[in-house]
Amino acid sequence: MAQPTQHDLGRNDPCHCGSGKKYKQCHLAKDEAAERAAREKVAEAAATPEPEAPRTAPPPPKHSTRQPWKGQQNTRGFGKLNIPRRSGGS
């Protein structure tokens, strides 16, 4: 009988080593630790620093001229309006 691969094994299937125990009680922790170590090794290899991109010049400063035609600027967005509330019924 062919041995099932690790991906074909369920937690409650007999272990692939032939011990007669369930897989979850025999080799599950060891196999998961080996997979975790392999994933960490791949992640470390992929995390090699890339060459730094050339820096671009900062944007020029905005003009600081007074523009009276624009009126008073509300910097809080639409939060507060200068319109009085209506009072009374309908």
Protein backbone atom coordinates (compact mmCIF):
# COMPACT_ATOMS: atom_id res chain seq x y z
CA MET A 1 0.00 0.00 0.00
CA ALA A 2 1.39 3.41 -0.97
CA GLN A 3 2.11 5.92 1.77
CA PRO A 4 -0.15 8.98 1.59
CA THR A 5 1.58 12.27 1.12
CA GLN A 6 1.53 14.85 3.87
CA HIS A 7 -1.16 16.89 2.11
CA ASP A 8 -3.43 13.84 1.85
CA LEU A 9 -3.22 13.13 5.58
CA GLY A 10 -5.97 14.29 7.87
CA ARG A 11 -5.47 14.95 11.54
CA ASN A 12 -7.27 11.75 12.53
CA ASP A 13 -5.67 9.48 9.92
CA PRO A 14 -2.98 6.97 10.95
CA CYS A 15 0.50 8.51 10.95
CA HIS A 16 2.70 8.03 7.89
CA CYS A 17 5.58 6.69 9.99
CA GLY A 18 3.70 3.47 10.76
CA SER A 19 3.59 3.90 14.54
CA GLY A 20 -0.13 3.17 14.69
CA LYS A 21 -0.87 6.50 16.35
CA LYS A 22 -3.03 9.22 14.90
CA TYR A 23 -1.14 11.75 12.81
CA LYS A 24 -2.10 14.62 15.12
CA GLN A 25 -0.55 12.85 18.10
CA CYS A 26 2.60 11.65 16.35
CA HIS A 27 4.10 13.87 13.63
CA LEU A 28 1.73 16.83 13.12
CA ALA A 29 3.70 19.25 15.33
CA LYS A 30 7.04 18.23 13.78
CA ASP A 31 5.76 18.57 10.21
CA GLU A 32 4.18 21.98 10.93
CA ALA A 33 7.43 23.20 12.54
CA ALA A 34 9.40 22.09 9.47
CA GLU A 35 6.94 23.88 7.15
CA ARG A 36 7.11 27.01 9.31
CA ALA A 37 10.92 27.00 9.19
CA ALA A 38 10.88 26.60 5.41
CA ARG A 39 8.43 29.53 5.04
CA GLU A 40 10.61 31.73 7.29
CA LYS A 41 13.68 30.86 5.23
CA VAL A 42 11.88 31.83 2.02
CA ALA A 43 10.63 35.06 3.62
CA GLU A 44 14.13 36.01 4.76
CA ALA A 45 15.49 35.38 1.27
CA ALA A 46 12.74 37.54 -0.22
CA ALA A 47 13.34 40.34 2.29
CA THR A 48 16.74 41.24 0.93
CA PRO A 49 17.03 45.02 0.75
CA GLU A 50 16.37 46.46 -2.66
CA PRO A 51 18.61 49.19 -4.00
CA GLU A 52 17.40 52.58 -2.87
CA ALA A 53 15.54 54.55 -5.49
CA PRO A 54 17.01 57.91 -6.45
CA ARG A 55 15.50 60.67 -4.38
CA THR A 56 13.49 63.32 -6.12
CA ALA A 57 13.63 66.97 -5.23
CA PRO A 58 10.98 68.18 -2.78
CA PRO A 59 8.08 70.10 -4.31
CA PRO A 60 8.47 73.87 -4.47
CA PRO A 61 6.87 75.83 -1.62
CA LYS A 62 3.35 77.17 -2.13
CA HIS A 63 2.96 80.86 -2.74
CA SER A 64 2.25 83.03 0.26
CA THR A 65 0.57 85.98 -1.46
CA ARG A 66 -2.58 87.45 0.01
CA GLN A 67 -5.64 86.82 -2.17
CA PRO A 68 -8.48 89.02 -0.85
CA TRP A 69 -10.90 87.97 -3.59
CA LYS A 70 -11.09 84.47 -2.11
CA GLY A 71 -12.59 85.72 1.16
CA GLN A 72 -12.17 84.12 4.52
CA GLN A 73 -11.08 80.49 4.20
CA ASN A 74 -12.78 77.85 6.31
CA THR A 75 -10.10 75.28 7.05
CA ARG A 76 -12.48 72.88 8.81
CA GLY A 77 -14.27 71.80 5.68
CA PHE A 78 -18.06 71.66 5.80
CA GLY A 79 -18.22 71.41 9.59
CA LYS A 80 -19.48 74.87 10.49
CA LEU A 81 -21.57 77.25 8.42
CA ASN A 82 -22.25 80.91 9.12
CA ILE A 83 -25.96 80.62 8.32
CA PRO A 84 -28.37 81.23 11.24
CA ARG A 85 -30.77 78.41 12.03
CA ARG A 86 -34.43 78.82 11.39
CA SER A 87 -36.68 78.92 14.35
CA GLY A 88 -40.35 78.30 14.57
CA GLY A 89 -42.75 75.75 13.22
CA SER A 90 -43.34 74.23 9.84
